[in-house]
Amino acid sequence: MQIGVIGTGSVGKTLATKFAALGHQVHVANSRGRDAVASVFTGSSAPVIPSTSSDAFACDIVFLATPWTAVRGVLESESPQNGQILVDTTNIFLTYPPHATIDDLKGDSGSEIVARMAPMARVVKAFNTLPFETMFAPVPPDMKRVLFVAGDDEPAISTVTSLITEIGLHPVALGSLASAGRMMELGGALSTLELLAPAN
């Protein structure tokens, strides 16, 4: 599968590395260009492809892994145009811990905002409820860590849950962006909730 990753922070780098290691063709872009992407993966054996945002957004599935403060600029300049799946991994931090501030969306939700800014994409929310050092921390051999998923398009959800399973997590699809997406957001009922499920 062709996978695009927008962003090379811990989320983007981790996902790109894991998907590339599984044999997917992974195009990675950031705001600083191909050379900057290549430098992030210096010393890594993951065969990622440093790319432009256009190349990444043209992939079958695109992971949006930028800071929340950069989302509007990214999606206003470029976004999926042909019904691709856009996985929103963002959290609505304006500043990060230990002095975190959270955007006041005045009753809106981050995932629905992303969906409106990328109207040609099929948006799925995932990879945002746990810190990545927790998400991929070791678990007992007979267990898998649960990863929540929200979205409004069943085929898109199915594709994302398959990828989540490939990287060793246990996906749980909960419902729409409007309901489950809000539960997964910072301050929601599922934010920071860590659960394990039997591996078989």
Protein backbone atom coordinates (compact mmCIF):
# COMPACT_ATOMS: atom_id res chain seq x y z
CA MET A 1 0.00 0.00 0.00
CA GLN A 2 1.15 3.55 -0.68
CA ILE A 3 1.10 5.47 2.58
CA GLY A 4 1.73 9.19 3.01
CA VAL A 5 2.87 10.69 6.30
CA ILE A 6 2.72 14.45 6.84
CA GLY A 7 4.99 15.39 9.74
CA THR A 8 8.23 14.04 11.14
CA GLY A 9 7.81 14.49 14.87
CA SER A 10 7.60 11.44 17.11
CA VAL A 11 4.20 10.40 15.75
CA GLY A 12 5.06 10.74 12.07
CA LYS A 13 8.50 9.21 12.41
CA THR A 14 7.24 6.23 14.43
CA LEU A 15 4.36 5.44 12.08
CA ALA A 16 6.47 5.88 8.95
CA THR A 17 9.17 3.58 10.33
CA LYS A 18 6.72 0.87 11.37
CA PHE A 19 4.76 0.87 8.11
CA ALA A 20 7.91 0.91 5.96
CA ALA A 21 9.33 -2.01 7.94
CA LEU A 22 6.20 -3.99 7.01
CA GLY A 23 6.85 -3.43 3.31
CA HIS A 24 4.52 -0.53 2.59
CA GLN A 25 5.73 2.24 0.29
CA VAL A 26 5.86 5.20 2.67
CA HIS A 27 6.20 8.79 1.41
CA VAL A 28 7.10 11.22 4.20
CA ALA A 29 6.87 15.01 3.98
CA ASN A 30 7.31 17.94 6.31
CA SER A 31 7.30 21.71 5.97
CA ARG A 32 11.09 21.90 5.51
CA GLY A 33 11.45 19.73 2.43
CA ARG A 34 12.93 16.40 1.34
CA ASP A 35 16.43 17.00 2.72
CA ALA A 36 15.01 17.73 6.17
CA VAL A 37 12.91 14.55 6.01
CA ALA A 38 15.97 12.53 5.01
CA SER A 39 17.94 13.94 7.95
CA VAL A 40 15.22 12.81 10.39
CA PHE A 41 15.69 9.22 9.22
CA THR A 42 19.49 9.28 9.08
CA GLY A 43 20.73 6.03 10.58
CA SER A 44 17.33 4.36 10.28
CA SER A 45 16.99 1.17 8.26
CA ALA A 46 13.37 2.01 7.40
CA PRO A 47 13.09 2.48 3.62
CA VAL A 48 10.93 5.62 3.76
CA ILE A 49 10.79 7.93 0.75
CA PRO A 50 11.46 11.64 1.49
CA SER A 51 8.73 13.39 -0.48
CA THR A 52 6.84 16.60 -1.10
CA SER A 53 3.46 17.16 0.48
CA SER A 54 1.89 16.68 -2.96
CA ASP A 55 3.45 13.22 -3.24
CA ALA A 56 2.33 12.26 0.27
CA PHE A 57 -1.23 13.52 -0.22
CA ALA A 58 -1.49 11.51 -3.45
CA CYS A 59 -1.05 8.21 -1.58
CA ASP A 60 -3.90 5.77 -0.89
CA ILE A 61 -3.92 6.66 2.79
CA VAL A 62 -2.39 9.72 4.45
CA PHE A 63 -1.48 10.15 8.12
CA LEU A 64 -1.76 13.74 9.33
CA ALA A 65 0.89 13.91 12.07
CA THR A 66 1.56 17.63 12.40
CA PRO A 67 1.07 19.83 15.47
CA TRP A 68 -2.51 21.07 15.78
CA THR A 69 -1.29 24.64 15.25
CA ALA A 70 -0.01 23.64 11.79
CA VAL A 71 -3.08 21.72 10.60
CA ARG A 72 -4.95 24.63 9.05
CA GLY A 73 -1.93 25.83 7.08
CA VAL A 74 -1.20 22.32 5.81
CA LEU A 75 -4.75 21.51 4.71
CA GLU A 76 -5.48 24.93 3.25
CA SER A 77 -2.46 24.64 0.96
CA GLU A 78 -2.95 20.99 0.05
CA SER A 79 -5.14 18.04 0.98
CA PRO A 80 -6.37 14.75 -0.49
CA GLN A 81 -8.53 15.32 -3.55
CA ASN A 82 -9.67 11.90 -4.69
CA GLY A 83 -11.38 10.25 -1.75
CA GLN A 84 -8.20 9.05 -0.10
CA ILE A 85 -8.26 8.12 3.56
CA LEU A 86 -6.90 10.86 5.83
CA VAL A 87 -6.00 9.60 9.32
CA ASP A 88 -6.10 12.46 11.81
CA THR A 89 -3.60 11.67 14.57
CA THR A 90 -3.55 15.21 15.98
CA ASN A 91 -4.42 16.50 19.43
CA ILE A 92 -5.63 20.04 20.02
CA PHE A 93 -2.59 21.24 21.96
CA LEU A 94 -1.62 24.88 21.48
CA THR A 95 1.45 24.31 23.65
CA TYR A 96 2.77 21.00 24.90
CA PRO A 97 3.35 19.57 28.39
CA PRO A 98 4.64 20.32 30.95
CA HIS A 99 2.99 23.70 30.31
CA ALA A 100 0.22 22.50 28.03
CA THR A 101 -2.56 24.68 26.73
CA ILE A 102 -5.52 23.28 24.80
CA ASP A 103 -7.43 24.97 22.00
CA ASP A 104 -10.95 26.12 22.88
CA LEU A 105 -13.04 24.78 20.01
CA LYS A 106 -16.26 26.23 21.43
CA GLY A 107 -18.21 22.99 21.17
CA ASP A 108 -16.64 21.84 17.90
CA SER A 109 -14.24 18.89 17.64
CA GLY A 110 -10.81 18.64 16.10
CA SER A 111 -11.67 15.66 13.89
CA GLU A 112 -14.74 17.39 12.46
CA ILE A 113 -12.68 20.51 11.78
CA VAL A 114 -10.14 18.39 9.90
CA ALA A 115 -12.94 16.74 7.92
CA ARG A 116 -14.32 20.13 6.88
CA MET A 117 -10.88 21.33 5.82
CA ALA A 118 -10.34 18.19 3.73
CA PRO A 119 -13.81 17.67 2.22
CA MET A 120 -12.61 15.29 -0.51
CA ALA A 121 -10.97 12.93 2.01
CA ARG A 122 -12.48 10.16 4.11
CA VAL A 123 -11.31 11.17 7.59
CA VAL A 124 -10.57 8.62 10.32
CA LYS A 125 -9.44 9.57 13.82
CA ALA A 126 -6.80 7.33 15.44
CA PHE A 127 -3.43 7.26 17.23
CA ASN A 128 -4.23 10.23 19.45
CA THR A 129 -5.43 8.93 22.81
CA LEU A 130 -2.12 7.71 24.27
CA PRO A 131 1.44 9.05 24.27
CA PHE A 132 3.45 7.09 21.73
CA GLU A 133 5.91 5.86 24.35
CA THR A 134 2.89 4.26 26.04
CA MET A 135 1.17 3.13 22.85
CA PHE A 136 4.14 1.04 21.75
CA ALA A 137 5.49 0.04 25.14
CA PRO A 138 5.95 -3.70 25.77
CA VAL A 139 2.90 -5.72 26.81
CA PRO A 140 2.53 -9.30 28.07
CA PRO A 141 2.96 -11.79 25.20
CA ASP A 142 -0.71 -12.80 25.24
CA MET A 143 -2.03 -9.23 25.16
CA LYS A 144 -2.31 -6.29 22.77
CA ARG A 145 -2.80 -2.62 23.55
CA VAL A 146 -6.17 -1.20 22.47
CA LEU A 147 -6.27 1.66 19.97
CA PHE A 148 -9.53 3.54 19.49
CA VAL A 149 -10.75 4.53 16.03
CA ALA A 150 -13.54 6.87 14.87
CA GLY A 151 -14.89 7.72 11.45
CA ASP A 152 -17.91 8.09 9.20
CA ASP A 153 -16.88 5.79 6.32
CA GLU A 154 -16.90 2.05 7.02
CA PRO A 155 -14.46 1.00 4.26
CA ALA A 156 -12.01 3.66 5.43
CA ILE A 157 -12.32 2.48 9.02
CA SER A 158 -11.72 -1.10 7.90
CA THR A 159 -8.53 -0.12 6.07
CA VAL A 160 -7.21 1.79 9.06
CA THR A 161 -8.03 -0.99 11.53
CA SER A 162 -6.19 -3.47 9.30
CA LEU A 163 -3.07 -1.30 9.40
CA ILE A 164 -3.38 -0.93 13.16
CA THR A 165 -3.52 -4.71 13.49
CA GLU A 166 -0.43 -5.04 11.26
CA ILE A 167 1.64 -2.97 13.68
CA GLY A 168 0.63 -5.08 16.67
CA LEU A 169 -2.19 -3.09 18.25
CA HIS A 170 -5.84 -4.03 18.86
CA PRO A 171 -8.17 -1.60 17.05
CA VAL A 172 -11.60 -0.80 18.47
CA ALA A 173 -13.87 1.18 16.13
CA LEU A 174 -16.30 3.18 18.22
CA GLY A 175 -18.45 5.24 15.87
CA SER A 176 -18.61 8.58 14.12
CA LEU A 177 -16.31 11.56 14.26
CA ALA A 178 -19.07 13.57 15.90
CA SER A 179 -19.54 11.14 18.79
CA ALA A 180 -16.53 8.84 19.17
CA GLY A 181 -14.13 11.46 17.83
CA ARG A 182 -15.15 13.79 20.65
CA MET A 183 -14.70 11.03 23.23
CA MET A 184 -11.15 10.50 21.94
CA GLU A 185 -10.22 14.18 22.06
CA LEU A 186 -8.19 15.77 24.84
CA GLY A 187 -10.44 15.91 27.88
CA GLY A 188 -12.79 13.29 26.45
CA ALA A 189 -13.72 10.06 28.19
CA LEU A 190 -11.19 7.99 26.22
CA SER A 191 -8.25 10.39 26.24
CA THR A 192 -5.26 8.74 28.04
CA LEU A 193 -7.33 5.59 28.73
CA GLU A 194 -5.01 2.59 28.41
CA LEU A 195 -6.59 -0.82 27.88
CA LEU A 196 -5.20 -4.25 26.95
CA ALA A 197 -7.05 -6.96 25.04
CA PRO A 198 -6.27 -10.67 24.59
CA ALA A 199 -4.02 -11.23 21.60
CA ASN A 200 -6.21 -14.04 20.23
